PDB file of N, CA and C in Angstrom:
ATOM      1  N   MET A   1       0.827  -1.178   0.000  1.00  0.00           N
ATOM      2  CA  MET A   1       0.000   0.000   0.000  1.00  0.00           C
ATOM      3  C   MET A   1       0.876   1.247   0.000  1.00  0.00           C
ATOM      4  N   SER A   2       0.513   2.214  -0.786  1.00  0.00           N
ATOM      5  CA  SER A   2       1.252   3.461  -0.897  1.00  0.00           C
ATOM      6  C   SER A   2       0.769   4.465   0.143  1.00  0.00           C
ATOM      7  N   SER A   3       1.684   5.326   0.560  1.00  0.00           N
ATOM      8  CA  SER A   3       1.249   6.441   1.389  1.00  0.00           C
ATOM      9  C   SER A   3       0.870   7.587   0.457  1.00  0.00           C
ATOM     10  N   VAL A   4      -0.122   8.344   0.846  1.00  0.00           N
ATOM     11  CA  VAL A   4      -0.654   9.406   0.003  1.00  0.00           C
ATOM     12  C   VAL A   4      -0.502  10.734   0.719  1.00  0.00           C
ATOM     13  N   LYS A   5       0.022  11.721  -0.007  1.00  0.00           N
ATOM     14  CA  LYS A   5       0.147  13.072   0.521  1.00  0.00           C
ATOM     15  C   LYS A   5      -0.538  14.028  -0.440  1.00  0.00           C
ATOM     16  N   PHE A   6      -1.099  15.087   0.127  1.00  0.00           N
ATOM     17  CA  PHE A   6      -1.734  16.133  -0.667  1.00  0.00           C
ATOM     18  C   PHE A   6      -1.038  17.458  -0.391  1.00  0.00           C
ATOM     19  N   SER A   7      -0.780  18.214  -1.443  1.00  0.00           N
ATOM     20  CA  SER A   7      -0.303  19.575  -1.227  1.00  0.00           C
ATOM     21  C   SER A   7      -1.496  20.390  -0.726  1.00  0.00           C
ATOM     22  N   GLU A   8      -1.210  21.518  -0.114  1.00  0.00           N
ATOM     23  CA  GLU A   8      -2.294  22.378   0.372  1.00  0.00           C
ATOM     24  C   GLU A   8      -3.191  22.802  -0.780  1.00  0.00           C
ATOM     25  N   ASN A   9      -2.583  23.096  -1.913  1.00  0.00           N
ATOM     26  CA  ASN A   9      -3.324  23.528  -3.089  1.00  0.00           C
ATOM     27  C   ASN A   9      -4.309  22.447  -3.553  1.00  0.00           C
ATOM     28  N   ALA A  10      -3.840  21.225  -3.694  1.00  0.00           N
ATOM     29  CA  ALA A  10      -4.695  20.137  -4.167  1.00  0.00           C
ATOM     30  C   ALA A  10      -5.818  19.865  -3.166  1.00  0.00           C
ATOM     31  N   TYR A  11      -5.484  19.812  -1.895  1.00  0.00           N
ATOM     32  CA  TYR A  11      -6.483  19.533  -0.856  1.00  0.00           C
ATOM     33  C   TYR A  11      -7.560  20.616  -0.837  1.00  0.00           C
ATOM     34  N   CYS A  12      -7.144  21.866  -0.854  1.00  0.00           N
ATOM     35  CA  CYS A  12      -8.110  22.973  -0.802  1.00  0.00           C
ATOM     36  C   CYS A  12      -9.005  22.999  -2.034  1.00  0.00           C
ATOM     37  N   LYS A  13      -8.450  22.716  -3.208  1.00  0.00           N
ATOM     38  CA  LYS A  13      -9.269  22.714  -4.417  1.00  0.00           C
ATOM     39  C   LYS A  13     -10.347  21.641  -4.366  1.00  0.00           C
ATOM     40  N   MET A  14      -9.997  20.451  -3.872  1.00  0.00           N
ATOM     41  CA  MET A  14     -10.998  19.379  -3.764  1.00  0.00           C
ATOM     42  C   MET A  14     -12.128  19.790  -2.820  1.00  0.00           C
ATOM     43  N   ILE A  15     -11.746  20.288  -1.640  1.00  0.00           N
ATOM     44  CA  ILE A  15     -12.743  20.666  -0.640  1.00  0.00           C
ATOM     45  C   ILE A  15     -13.601  21.821  -1.147  1.00  0.00           C
ATOM     46  N   MET A  16     -12.973  22.834  -1.699  1.00  0.00           N
ATOM     47  CA  MET A  16     -13.723  23.999  -2.163  1.00  0.00           C
ATOM     48  C   MET A  16     -14.639  23.676  -3.336  1.00  0.00           C
ATOM     49  N   HIS A  17     -14.248  22.736  -4.168  1.00  0.00           N
ATOM     50  CA  HIS A  17     -15.120  22.312  -5.269  1.00  0.00           C
ATOM     51  C   HIS A  17     -16.405  21.716  -4.703  1.00  0.00           C
ATOM     52  N   GLY A  18     -16.276  20.873  -3.680  1.00  0.00           N
ATOM     53  CA  GLY A  18     -17.455  20.291  -3.049  1.00  0.00           C
ATOM     54  C   GLY A  18     -18.288  21.309  -2.300  1.00  0.00           C
ATOM     55  N   VAL A  19     -17.635  22.243  -1.637  1.00  0.00           N
ATOM     56  CA  VAL A  19     -18.345  23.267  -0.861  1.00  0.00           C
ATOM     57  C   VAL A  19     -19.067  24.256  -1.769  1.00  0.00           C
ATOM     58  N   LYS A  20     -18.472  24.553  -2.916  1.00  0.00           N
ATOM     59  CA  LYS A  20     -19.099  25.497  -3.840  1.00  0.00           C
ATOM     60  C   LYS A  20     -20.404  24.952  -4.417  1.00  0.00           C
ATOM     61  N   TYR A  21     -20.466  23.646  -4.571  1.00  0.00           N
ATOM     62  CA  TYR A  21     -21.666  23.010  -5.139  1.00  0.00           C
ATOM     63  C   TYR A  21     -22.209  21.960  -4.163  1.00  0.00           C
ATOM     64  N   PRO A  22     -22.734  22.384  -3.003  1.00  0.00           N
ATOM     65  CA  PRO A  22     -23.193  21.405  -2.009  1.00  0.00           C
ATOM     66  C   PRO A  22     -24.458  20.665  -2.438  1.00  0.00           C
ATOM     67  N   HIS A  23     -25.138  21.172  -3.434  1.00  0.00           N
ATOM     68  CA  HIS A  23     -26.396  20.589  -3.876  1.00  0.00           C
ATOM     69  C   HIS A  23     -26.220  19.513  -4.954  1.00  0.00           C
ATOM     70  N   CYS A  24     -24.982  19.223  -5.327  1.00  0.00           N
ATOM     71  CA  CYS A  24     -24.770  18.208  -6.363  1.00  0.00           C
ATOM     72  C   CYS A  24     -23.426  17.512  -6.178  1.00  0.00           C
ATOM     73  N   SER A  25     -23.266  16.403  -6.853  1.00  0.00           N
ATOM     74  CA  SER A  25     -21.997  15.669  -6.826  1.00  0.00           C
ATOM     75  C   SER A  25     -20.972  16.405  -7.683  1.00  0.00           C
ATOM     76  N   VAL A  26     -19.711  16.314  -7.272  1.00  0.00           N
ATOM     77  CA  VAL A  26     -18.631  16.911  -8.050  1.00  0.00           C
ATOM     78  C   VAL A  26     -17.520  15.882  -8.219  1.00  0.00           C
ATOM     79  N   ASN A  27     -16.699  16.078  -9.238  1.00  0.00           N
ATOM     80  CA  ASN A  27     -15.546  15.198  -9.428  1.00  0.00           C
ATOM     81  C   ASN A  27     -14.395  15.959 -10.057  1.00  0.00           C
ATOM     82  N   GLY A  28     -13.232  15.334 -10.040  1.00  0.00           N
ATOM     83  CA  GLY A  28     -12.060  15.968 -10.611  1.00  0.00           C
ATOM     84  C   GLY A  28     -10.891  15.008 -10.665  1.00  0.00           C
ATOM     85  N   LEU A  29      -9.803  15.489 -11.219  1.00  0.00           N
ATOM     86  CA  LEU A  29      -8.593  14.684 -11.374  1.00  0.00           C
ATOM     87  C   LEU A  29      -7.504  15.195 -10.447  1.00  0.00           C
ATOM     88  N   LEU A  30      -6.640  14.301 -10.049  1.00  0.00           N
ATOM     89  CA  LEU A  30      -5.515  14.636  -9.182  1.00  0.00           C
ATOM     90  C   LEU A  30      -4.217  14.427  -9.951  1.00  0.00           C
ATOM     91  N   LEU A  31      -3.355  15.427  -9.915  1.00  0.00           N
ATOM     92  CA  LEU A  31      -2.080  15.356 -10.608  1.00  0.00           C
ATOM     93  C   LEU A  31      -0.967  15.180  -9.593  1.00  0.00           C
ATOM     94  N   GLY A  32      -0.068  14.270  -9.900  1.00  0.00           N
ATOM     95  CA  GLY A  32       1.061  14.017  -9.012  1.00  0.00           C
ATOM     96  C   GLY A  32       2.369  14.143  -9.747  1.00  0.00           C
ATOM     97  N   LYS A  33       3.416  14.182  -8.976  1.00  0.00           N
ATOM     98  CA  LYS A  33       4.744  14.228  -9.561  1.00  0.00           C
ATOM     99  C   LYS A  33       5.057  12.869 -10.166  1.00  0.00           C
ATOM    100  N   SER A  34       5.567  12.882 -11.371  1.00  0.00           N
ATOM    101  CA  SER A  34       5.935  11.607 -11.989  1.00  0.00           C
ATOM    102  C   SER A  34       7.190  11.087 -11.297  1.00  0.00           C
ATOM    103  N   SER A  35       7.138   9.831 -10.889  1.00  0.00           N
ATOM    104  CA  SER A  35       8.263   9.241 -10.174  1.00  0.00           C
ATOM    105  C   SER A  35       8.456   7.811 -10.635  1.00  0.00           C
ATOM    106  N   SER A  36       9.470   7.177 -10.117  1.00  0.00           N
ATOM    107  CA  SER A  36       9.729   5.790 -10.501  1.00  0.00           C
ATOM    108  C   SER A  36       8.627   4.883  -9.978  1.00  0.00           C
ATOM    109  N   SER A  37       8.449   3.751 -10.605  1.00  0.00           N
ATOM    110  CA  SER A  37       7.399   2.821 -10.207  1.00  0.00           C
ATOM    111  C   SER A  37       7.683   2.161  -8.859  1.00  0.00           C
ATOM    112  N   LYS A  38       8.921   2.255  -8.375  1.00  0.00           N
ATOM    113  CA  LYS A  38       9.262   1.637  -7.096  1.00  0.00           C
ATOM    114  C   LYS A  38       8.876   2.510  -5.905  1.00  0.00           C
ATOM    115  N   ALA A  39       8.516   3.763  -6.168  1.00  0.00           N
ATOM    116  CA  ALA A  39       8.169   4.677  -5.074  1.00  0.00           C
ATOM    117  C   ALA A  39       6.880   4.220  -4.402  1.00  0.00           C
ATOM    118  N   LYS A  40       6.887   4.229  -3.078  1.00  0.00           N
ATOM    119  CA  LYS A  40       5.706   3.816  -2.326  1.00  0.00           C
ATOM    120  C   LYS A  40       4.911   5.015  -1.837  1.00  0.00           C
ATOM    121  N   GLU A  41       5.267   6.191  -2.299  1.00  0.00           N
ATOM    122  CA  GLU A  41       4.606   7.406  -1.859  1.00  0.00           C
ATOM    123  C   GLU A  41       4.064   8.164  -3.056  1.00  0.00           C
ATOM    124  N   VAL A  42       2.817   8.599  -2.953  1.00  0.00           N
ATOM    125  CA  VAL A  42       2.197   9.393  -3.999  1.00  0.00           C
ATOM    126  C   VAL A  42       1.916  10.764  -3.415  1.00  0.00           C
ATOM    127  N   GLU A  43       2.362  11.795  -4.104  1.00  0.00           N
ATOM    128  CA  GLU A  43       2.094  13.158  -3.649  1.00  0.00           C
ATOM    129  C   GLU A  43       1.300  13.880  -4.725  1.00  0.00           C
ATOM    130  N   PHE A  44       0.068  14.239  -4.370  1.00  0.00           N
ATOM    131  CA  PHE A  44      -0.773  14.994  -5.285  1.00  0.00           C
ATOM    132  C   PHE A  44      -0.468  16.477  -5.098  1.00  0.00           C
ATOM    133  N   VAL A  45      -0.065  17.129  -6.164  1.00  0.00           N
ATOM    134  CA  VAL A  45       0.310  18.532  -6.070  1.00  0.00           C
ATOM    135  C   VAL A  45      -0.726  19.471  -6.695  1.00  0.00           C
ATOM    136  N   GLU A  46      -1.657  18.903  -7.442  1.00  0.00           N
ATOM    137  CA  GLU A  46      -2.662  19.719  -8.119  1.00  0.00           C
ATOM    138  C   GLU A  46      -3.959  18.932  -8.245  1.00  0.00           C
ATOM    139  N   ALA A  47      -5.077  19.632  -8.084  1.00  0.00           N
ATOM    140  CA  ALA A  47      -6.394  19.048  -8.310  1.00  0.00           C
ATOM    141  C   ALA A  47      -7.069  19.849  -9.413  1.00  0.00           C
ATOM    142  N   ILE A  48      -7.627  19.151 -10.375  1.00  0.00           N
ATOM    143  CA  ILE A  48      -8.316  19.803 -11.485  1.00  0.00           C
ATOM    144  C   ILE A  48      -9.795  19.455 -11.387  1.00  0.00           C
ATOM    145  N   PRO A  49     -10.634  20.413 -10.966  1.00  0.00           N
ATOM    146  CA  PRO A  49     -12.078  20.145 -10.905  1.00  0.00           C
ATOM    147  C   PRO A  49     -12.619  19.882 -12.308  1.00  0.00           C
ATOM    148  N   LEU A  50     -13.490  18.884 -12.412  1.00  0.00           N
ATOM    149  CA  LEU A  50     -14.076  18.566 -13.715  1.00  0.00           C
ATOM    150  C   LEU A  50     -15.536  18.992 -13.790  1.00  0.00           C
ATOM    151  N   PHE A  51     -16.401  18.226 -13.170  1.00  0.00           N
ATOM    152  CA  PHE A  51     -17.829  18.439 -13.374  1.00  0.00           C
ATOM    153  C   PHE A  51     -18.580  18.589 -12.062  1.00  0.00           C
ATOM    154  N   HIS A  52     -19.740  19.204 -12.178  1.00  0.00           N
ATOM    155  CA  HIS A  52     -20.732  19.233 -11.118  1.00  0.00           C
ATOM    156  C   HIS A  52     -22.091  19.126 -11.805  1.00  0.00           C
ATOM    157  N   ILE A  53     -23.101  18.931 -11.083  1.00  0.00           N
ATOM    158  CA  ILE A  53     -24.473  18.700 -11.549  1.00  0.00           C
ATOM    159  C   ILE A  53     -24.597  17.309 -12.169  1.00  0.00           C
ATOM    160  N   ASN A  54     -23.940  17.043 -13.290  1.00  0.00           N
ATOM    161  CA  ASN A  54     -24.010  15.716 -13.900  1.00  0.00           C
ATOM    162  C   ASN A  54     -22.586  15.230 -14.138  1.00  0.00           C
ATOM    163  N   ILE A  55     -22.118  14.332 -13.270  1.00  0.00           N
ATOM    164  CA  ILE A  55     -20.735  13.864 -13.387  1.00  0.00           C
ATOM    165  C   ILE A  55     -20.623  12.579 -14.199  1.00  0.00           C
ATOM    166  N   ASN A  56     -21.727  12.140 -14.786  1.00  0.00           N
ATOM    167  CA  ASN A  56     -21.735  10.876 -15.528  1.00  0.00           C
ATOM    168  C   ASN A  56     -21.627  11.081 -17.037  1.00  0.00           C
ATOM    169  N   LEU A  57     -20.922  12.092 -17.460  1.00  0.00           N
ATOM    170  CA  LEU A  57     -20.779  12.386 -18.883  1.00  0.00           C
ATOM    171  C   LEU A  57     -19.462  11.813 -19.399  1.00  0.00           C
ATOM    172  N   ILE A  58     -19.481  10.581 -19.830  1.00  0.00           N
ATOM    173  CA  ILE A  58     -18.259   9.905 -20.258  1.00  0.00           C
ATOM    174  C   ILE A  58     -17.606  10.579 -21.460  1.00  0.00           C
ATOM    175  N   PRO A  59     -18.330  10.953 -22.522  1.00  0.00           N
ATOM    176  CA  PRO A  59     -17.656  11.618 -23.645  1.00  0.00           C
ATOM    177  C   PRO A  59     -16.973  12.921 -23.224  1.00  0.00           C
ATOM    178  N   MET A  60     -17.631  13.701 -22.381  1.00  0.00           N
ATOM    179  CA  MET A  60     -17.035  14.947 -21.897  1.00  0.00           C
ATOM    180  C   MET A  60     -15.820  14.646 -21.034  1.00  0.00           C
ATOM    181  N   ALA A  61     -15.897  13.581 -20.235  1.00  0.00           N
ATOM    182  CA  ALA A  61     -14.771  13.209 -19.371  1.00  0.00           C
ATOM    183  C   ALA A  61     -13.566  12.796 -20.206  1.00  0.00           C
ATOM    184  N   GLU A  62     -13.792  12.096 -21.314  1.00  0.00           N
ATOM    185  CA  GLU A  62     -12.682  11.682 -22.168  1.00  0.00           C
ATOM    186  C   GLU A  62     -11.977  12.894 -22.773  1.00  0.00           C
ATOM    187  N   ILE A  63     -12.738  13.887 -23.181  1.00  0.00           N
ATOM    188  CA  ILE A  63     -12.134  15.108 -23.716  1.00  0.00           C
ATOM    189  C   ILE A  63     -11.372  15.835 -22.618  1.00  0.00           C
ATOM    190  N   ALA A  64     -11.976  15.921 -21.440  1.00  0.00           N
ATOM    191  CA  ALA A  64     -11.313  16.576 -20.307  1.00  0.00           C
ATOM    192  C   ALA A  64     -10.011  15.856 -19.953  1.00  0.00           C
ATOM    193  N   LEU A  65     -10.019  14.527 -19.983  1.00  0.00           N
ATOM    194  CA  LEU A  65      -8.806  13.764 -19.682  1.00  0.00           C
ATOM    195  C   LEU A  65      -7.690  14.083 -20.670  1.00  0.00           C
ATOM    196  N   MET A  66      -8.026  14.221 -21.942  1.00  0.00           N
ATOM    197  CA  MET A  66      -7.011  14.565 -22.933  1.00  0.00           C
ATOM    198  C   MET A  66      -6.432  15.956 -22.671  1.00  0.00           C
ATOM    199  N   GLN A  67      -7.295  16.913 -22.347  1.00  0.00           N
ATOM    200  CA  GLN A  67      -6.834  18.268 -22.087  1.00  0.00           C
ATOM    201  C   GLN A  67      -5.991  18.334 -20.822  1.00  0.00           C
ATOM    202  N   VAL A  68      -6.437  17.652 -19.769  1.00  0.00           N
ATOM    203  CA  VAL A  68      -5.688  17.659 -18.515  1.00  0.00           C
ATOM    204  C   VAL A  68      -4.364  16.923 -18.683  1.00  0.00           C
ATOM    205  N   ASP A  69      -4.349  15.864 -19.482  1.00  0.00           N
ATOM    206  CA  ASP A  69      -3.105  15.140 -19.731  1.00  0.00           C
ATOM    207  C   ASP A  69      -2.075  16.041 -20.409  1.00  0.00           C
ATOM    208  N   THR A  70      -2.514  16.842 -21.373  1.00  0.00           N
ATOM    209  CA  THR A  70      -1.616  17.787 -22.031  1.00  0.00           C
ATOM    210  C   THR A  70      -1.097  18.823 -21.040  1.00  0.00           C
ATOM    211  N   TYR A  71      -1.993  19.357 -20.217  1.00  0.00           N
ATOM    212  CA  TYR A  71      -1.603  20.339 -19.200  1.00  0.00           C
ATOM    213  C   TYR A  71      -0.587  19.728 -18.231  1.00  0.00           C
ATOM    214  N   ALA A  72      -0.876  18.515 -17.780  1.00  0.00           N
ATOM    215  CA  ALA A  72       0.002  17.849 -16.813  1.00  0.00           C
ATOM    216  C   ALA A  72       1.382  17.593 -17.403  1.00  0.00           C
ATOM    217  N   SER A  73       1.437  17.103 -18.626  1.00  0.00           N
ATOM    218  CA  SER A  73       2.742  16.807 -19.224  1.00  0.00           C
ATOM    219  C   SER A  73       3.571  18.084 -19.413  1.00  0.00           C
ATOM    220  N   ASN A  74       2.908  19.199 -19.691  1.00  0.00           N
ATOM    221  CA  ASN A  74       3.625  20.472 -19.805  1.00  0.00           C
ATOM    222  C   ASN A  74       4.203  20.925 -18.470  1.00  0.00           C
ATOM    223  N   LYS A  75       3.572  20.535 -17.381  1.00  0.00           N
ATOM    224  CA  LYS A  75       4.027  20.906 -16.039  1.00  0.00           C
ATOM    225  C   LYS A  75       4.922  19.841 -15.400  1.00  0.00           C
ATOM    226  N   GLY A  76       5.172  18.742 -16.109  1.00  0.00           N
ATOM    227  CA  GLY A  76       5.989  17.661 -15.561  1.00  0.00           C
ATOM    228  C   GLY A  76       5.245  16.822 -14.541  1.00  0.00           C
ATOM    229  N   LEU A  77       3.923  16.765 -14.667  1.00  0.00           N
ATOM    230  CA  LEU A  77       3.076  15.995 -13.748  1.00  0.00           C
ATOM    231  C   LEU A  77       2.385  14.882 -14.515  1.00  0.00           C
ATOM    232  N   VAL A  78       1.724  14.013 -13.785  1.00  0.00           N
ATOM    233  CA  VAL A  78       0.971  12.922 -14.393  1.00  0.00           C
ATOM    234  C   VAL A  78      -0.372  12.801 -13.680  1.00  0.00           C
ATOM    235  N   ILE A  79      -1.422  12.463 -14.444  1.00  0.00           N
ATOM    236  CA  ILE A  79      -2.734  12.231 -13.833  1.00  0.00           C
ATOM    237  C   ILE A  79      -2.630  10.931 -13.055  1.00  0.00           C
ATOM    238  N   SER A  80      -2.719  11.016 -11.747  1.00  0.00           N
ATOM    239  CA  SER A  80      -2.508   9.825 -10.922  1.00  0.00           C
ATOM    240  C   SER A  80      -3.648   9.549  -9.958  1.00  0.00           C
ATOM    241  N   GLY A  81      -4.718  10.309 -10.039  1.00  0.00           N
ATOM    242  CA  GLY A  81      -5.832  10.069  -9.140  1.00  0.00           C
ATOM    243  C   GLY A  81      -7.114  10.722  -9.618  1.00  0.00           C
ATOM    244  N   TYR A  82      -8.180  10.386  -8.933  1.00  0.00           N
ATOM    245  CA  TYR A  82      -9.520  10.857  -9.264  1.00  0.00           C
ATOM    246  C   TYR A  82     -10.258  11.082  -7.958  1.00  0.00           C
ATOM    247  N   TYR A  83     -10.974  12.196  -7.853  1.00  0.00           N
ATOM    248  CA  TYR A  83     -11.761  12.420  -6.644  1.00  0.00           C
ATOM    249  C   TYR A  83     -13.217  12.643  -6.997  1.00  0.00           C
ATOM    250  N   VAL A  84     -14.060  12.296  -6.065  1.00  0.00           N
ATOM    251  CA  VAL A  84     -15.497  12.509  -6.198  1.00  0.00           C
ATOM    252  C   VAL A  84     -16.033  12.908  -4.833  1.00  0.00           C
ATOM    253  N   ALA A  85     -16.925  13.883  -4.832  1.00  0.00           N
ATOM    254  CA  ALA A  85     -17.626  14.291  -3.618  1.00  0.00           C
ATOM    255  C   ALA A  85     -19.108  14.096  -3.897  1.00  0.00           C
ATOM    256  N   PRO A  86     -19.709  13.068  -3.281  1.00  0.00           N
ATOM    257  CA  PRO A  86     -21.118  12.783  -3.565  1.00  0.00           C
ATOM    258  C   PRO A  86     -22.044  13.867  -3.024  1.00  0.00           C
ATOM    259  N   GLU A  87     -23.202  13.960  -3.654  1.00  0.00           N
ATOM    260  CA  GLU A  87     -24.195  14.950  -3.259  1.00  0.00           C
ATOM    261  C   GLU A  87     -24.652  14.733  -1.822  1.00  0.00           C
ATOM    262  N   ILE A  88     -24.868  13.497  -1.464  1.00  0.00           N
ATOM    263  CA  ILE A  88     -25.304  13.141  -0.117  1.00  0.00           C
ATOM    264  C   ILE A  88     -24.147  12.434   0.575  1.00  0.00           C
ATOM    265  N   ALA A  89     -23.685  13.000   1.667  1.00  0.00           N
ATOM    266  CA  ALA A  89     -22.496  12.471   2.344  1.00  0.00           C
ATOM    267  C   ALA A  89     -22.665  11.019   2.765  1.00  0.00           C
ATOM    268  N   LYS A  90     -23.872  10.605   3.087  1.00  0.00           N
ATOM    269  CA  LYS A  90     -24.112   9.222   3.504  1.00  0.00           C
ATOM    270  C   LYS A  90     -23.908   8.242   2.356  1.00  0.00           C
ATOM    271  N   GLU A  91     -23.965   8.739   1.132  1.00  0.00           N
ATOM    272  CA  GLU A  91     -23.766   7.886  -0.038  1.00  0.00           C
ATOM    273  C   GLU A  91     -22.321   7.943  -0.506  1.00  0.00           C
ATOM    274  N   ALA A  92     -21.419   7.983   0.405  1.00  0.00           N
ATOM    275  CA  ALA A  92     -19.989   8.099   0.081  1.00  0.00           C
ATOM    276  C   ALA A  92     -19.435   6.752  -0.358  1.00  0.00           C
ATOM    277  N   THR A  93     -19.916   6.281  -1.493  1.00  0.00           N
ATOM    278  CA  THR A  93     -19.423   5.028  -2.068  1.00  0.00           C
ATOM    279  C   THR A  93     -18.868   5.324  -3.456  1.00  0.00           C
ATOM    280  N   PHE A  94     -18.208   4.342  -3.975  1.00  0.00           N
ATOM    281  CA  PHE A  94     -17.556   4.511  -5.270  1.00  0.00           C
ATOM    282  C   PHE A  94     -18.046   3.441  -6.236  1.00  0.00           C
ATOM    283  N   ASP A  95     -19.353   3.383  -6.423  1.00  0.00           N
ATOM    284  CA  ASP A  95     -19.900   2.292  -7.220  1.00  0.00           C
ATOM    285  C   ASP A  95     -20.475   2.706  -8.565  1.00  0.00           C
ATOM    286  N   LYS A  96     -20.484   3.955  -8.884  1.00  0.00           N
ATOM    287  CA  LYS A  96     -21.040   4.367 -10.167  1.00  0.00           C
ATOM    288  C   LYS A  96     -20.128   3.918 -11.302  1.00  0.00           C
ATOM    289  N   ILE A  97     -20.725   3.480 -12.365  1.00  0.00           N
ATOM    290  CA  ILE A  97     -19.978   2.956 -13.501  1.00  0.00           C
ATOM    291  C   ILE A  97     -19.080   4.036 -14.109  1.00  0.00           C
ATOM    292  N   SER A  98     -19.556   5.269 -14.176  1.00  0.00           N
ATOM    293  CA  SER A  98     -18.752   6.328 -14.790  1.00  0.00           C
ATOM    294  C   SER A  98     -17.478   6.579 -13.995  1.00  0.00           C
ATOM    295  N   ASN A  99     -17.543   6.492 -12.662  1.00  0.00           N
ATOM    296  CA  ASN A  99     -16.343   6.675 -11.846  1.00  0.00           C
ATOM    297  C   ASN A  99     -15.299   5.620 -12.206  1.00  0.00           C
ATOM    298  N   ASN A 100     -15.737   4.395 -12.336  1.00  0.00           N
ATOM    299  CA  ASN A 100     -14.811   3.313 -12.669  1.00  0.00           C
ATOM    300  C   ASN A 100     -14.244   3.471 -14.071  1.00  0.00           C
ATOM    301  N   ARG A 101     -15.048   3.955 -15.003  1.00  0.00           N
ATOM    302  CA  ARG A 101     -14.552   4.145 -16.368  1.00  0.00           C
ATOM    303  C   ARG A 101     -13.516   5.258 -16.422  1.00  0.00           C
ATOM    304  N   ILE A 102     -13.714   6.310 -15.633  1.00  0.00           N
ATOM    305  CA  ILE A 102     -12.720   7.382 -15.601  1.00  0.00           C
ATOM    306  C   ILE A 102     -11.430   6.858 -14.996  1.00  0.00           C
ATOM    307  N   LEU A 103     -11.537   6.062 -13.927  1.00  0.00           N
ATOM    308  CA  LEU A 103     -10.338   5.482 -13.322  1.00  0.00           C
ATOM    309  C   LEU A 103      -9.613   4.561 -14.300  1.00  0.00           C
ATOM    310  N   GLU A 104     -10.354   3.825 -15.115  1.00  0.00           N
ATOM    311  CA  GLU A 104      -9.725   2.975 -16.128  1.00  0.00           C
ATOM    312  C   GLU A 104      -8.927   3.820 -17.113  1.00  0.00           C
ATOM    313  N   LYS A 105      -9.466   4.971 -17.501  1.00  0.00           N
ATOM    314  CA  LYS A 105      -8.752   5.863 -18.414  1.00  0.00           C
ATOM    315  C   LYS A 105      -7.488   6.409 -17.753  1.00  0.00           C
ATOM    316  N   VAL A 106      -7.580   6.759 -16.466  1.00  0.00           N
ATOM    317  CA  VAL A 106      -6.413   7.260 -15.745  1.00  0.00           C
ATOM    318  C   VAL A 106      -5.355   6.164 -15.652  1.00  0.00           C
ATOM    319  N   ALA A 107      -5.796   4.927 -15.465  1.00  0.00           N
ATOM    320  CA  ALA A 107      -4.869   3.798 -15.310  1.00  0.00           C
ATOM    321  C   ALA A 107      -4.060   3.519 -16.571  1.00  0.00           C
ATOM    322  N   VAL A 108      -4.504   4.017 -17.708  1.00  0.00           N
ATOM    323  CA  VAL A 108      -3.744   3.829 -18.941  1.00  0.00           C
ATOM    324  C   VAL A 108      -2.368   4.490 -18.821  1.00  0.00           C
ATOM    325  N   ASN A 109      -2.320   5.663 -18.187  1.00  0.00           N
ATOM    326  CA  ASN A 109      -1.066   6.395 -18.056  1.00  0.00           C
ATOM    327  C   ASN A 109      -0.387   6.225 -16.708  1.00  0.00           C
ATOM    328  N   TYR A 110      -1.135   5.826 -15.704  1.00  0.00           N
ATOM    329  CA  TYR A 110      -0.580   5.682 -14.360  1.00  0.00           C
ATOM    330  C   TYR A 110      -1.028   4.331 -13.828  1.00  0.00           C
ATOM    331  N   ARG A 111      -0.086   3.489 -13.501  1.00  0.00           N
ATOM    332  CA  ARG A 111      -0.364   2.082 -13.207  1.00  0.00           C
ATOM    333  C   ARG A 111      -1.337   1.876 -12.042  1.00  0.00           C
ATOM    334  N   ASP A 112      -1.178   2.607 -10.956  1.00  0.00           N
ATOM    335  CA  ASP A 112      -2.017   2.423  -9.777  1.00  0.00           C
ATOM    336  C   ASP A 112      -2.711   3.731  -9.391  1.00  0.00           C
ATOM    337  N   PRO A 113      -3.788   4.108 -10.114  1.00  0.00           N
ATOM    338  CA  PRO A 113      -4.456   5.351  -9.770  1.00  0.00           C
ATOM    339  C   PRO A 113      -5.154   5.243  -8.401  1.00  0.00           C
ATOM    340  N   ILE A 114      -5.305   6.360  -7.767  1.00  0.00           N
ATOM    341  CA  ILE A 114      -5.916   6.390  -6.446  1.00  0.00           C
ATOM    342  C   ILE A 114      -7.238   7.130  -6.531  1.00  0.00           C
ATOM    343  N   ALA A 115      -8.278   6.542  -5.970  1.00  0.00           N
ATOM    344  CA  ALA A 115      -9.603   7.163  -5.924  1.00  0.00           C
ATOM    345  C   ALA A 115      -9.813   7.756  -4.541  1.00  0.00           C
ATOM    346  N   VAL A 116     -10.291   8.973  -4.497  1.00  0.00           N
ATOM    347  CA  VAL A 116     -10.525   9.684  -3.246  1.00  0.00           C
ATOM    348  C   VAL A 116     -11.997  10.077  -3.175  1.00  0.00           C
ATOM    349  N   ILE A 117     -12.642   9.749  -2.061  1.00  0.00           N
ATOM    350  CA  ILE A 117     -14.017  10.183  -1.819  1.00  0.00           C
ATOM    351  C   ILE A 117     -13.952  11.324  -0.814  1.00  0.00           C
ATOM    352  N   VAL A 118     -14.429  12.485  -1.228  1.00  0.00           N
ATOM    353  CA  VAL A 118     -14.407  13.677  -0.394  1.00  0.00           C
ATOM    354  C   VAL A 118     -15.767  13.815   0.285  1.00  0.00           C
ATOM    355  N   SER A 119     -15.753  13.961   1.578  1.00  0.00           N
ATOM    356  CA  SER A 119     -16.982  14.152   2.333  1.00  0.00           C
ATOM    357  C   SER A 119     -17.000  15.589   2.839  1.00  0.00           C
ATOM    358  N   THR A 120     -17.841  16.426   2.215  1.00  0.00           N
ATOM    359  CA  THR A 120     -17.873  17.836   2.607  1.00  0.00           C
ATOM    360  C   THR A 120     -19.050  18.145   3.486  1.00  0.00           C
TER     361      THR A 120
END
């Protein structure tokens, strides 16, 4: 199991994305420093908010993943995680098909992506 660290910037962006839209689910991508595969530590340095209101838009998510991947590679980062903040805190599960499909896309570039459920 890897240890996970968040920069203040990444942590605050995830929380504020959920707080800004308390009436709906939100999701986003987490960018980490690219490191060797032997590293047991993942440090997320940036969070990129994606959607709110309807987070189950797979075609839109695929386009967003391509754009974020370009942004990340320009900054020397890699998409290494995915976060979701459910509309209802009691439903803090990760069972929606779209969440898993986005994680599968992230896994193409990063071997062990990390999913984060934010409870705001």
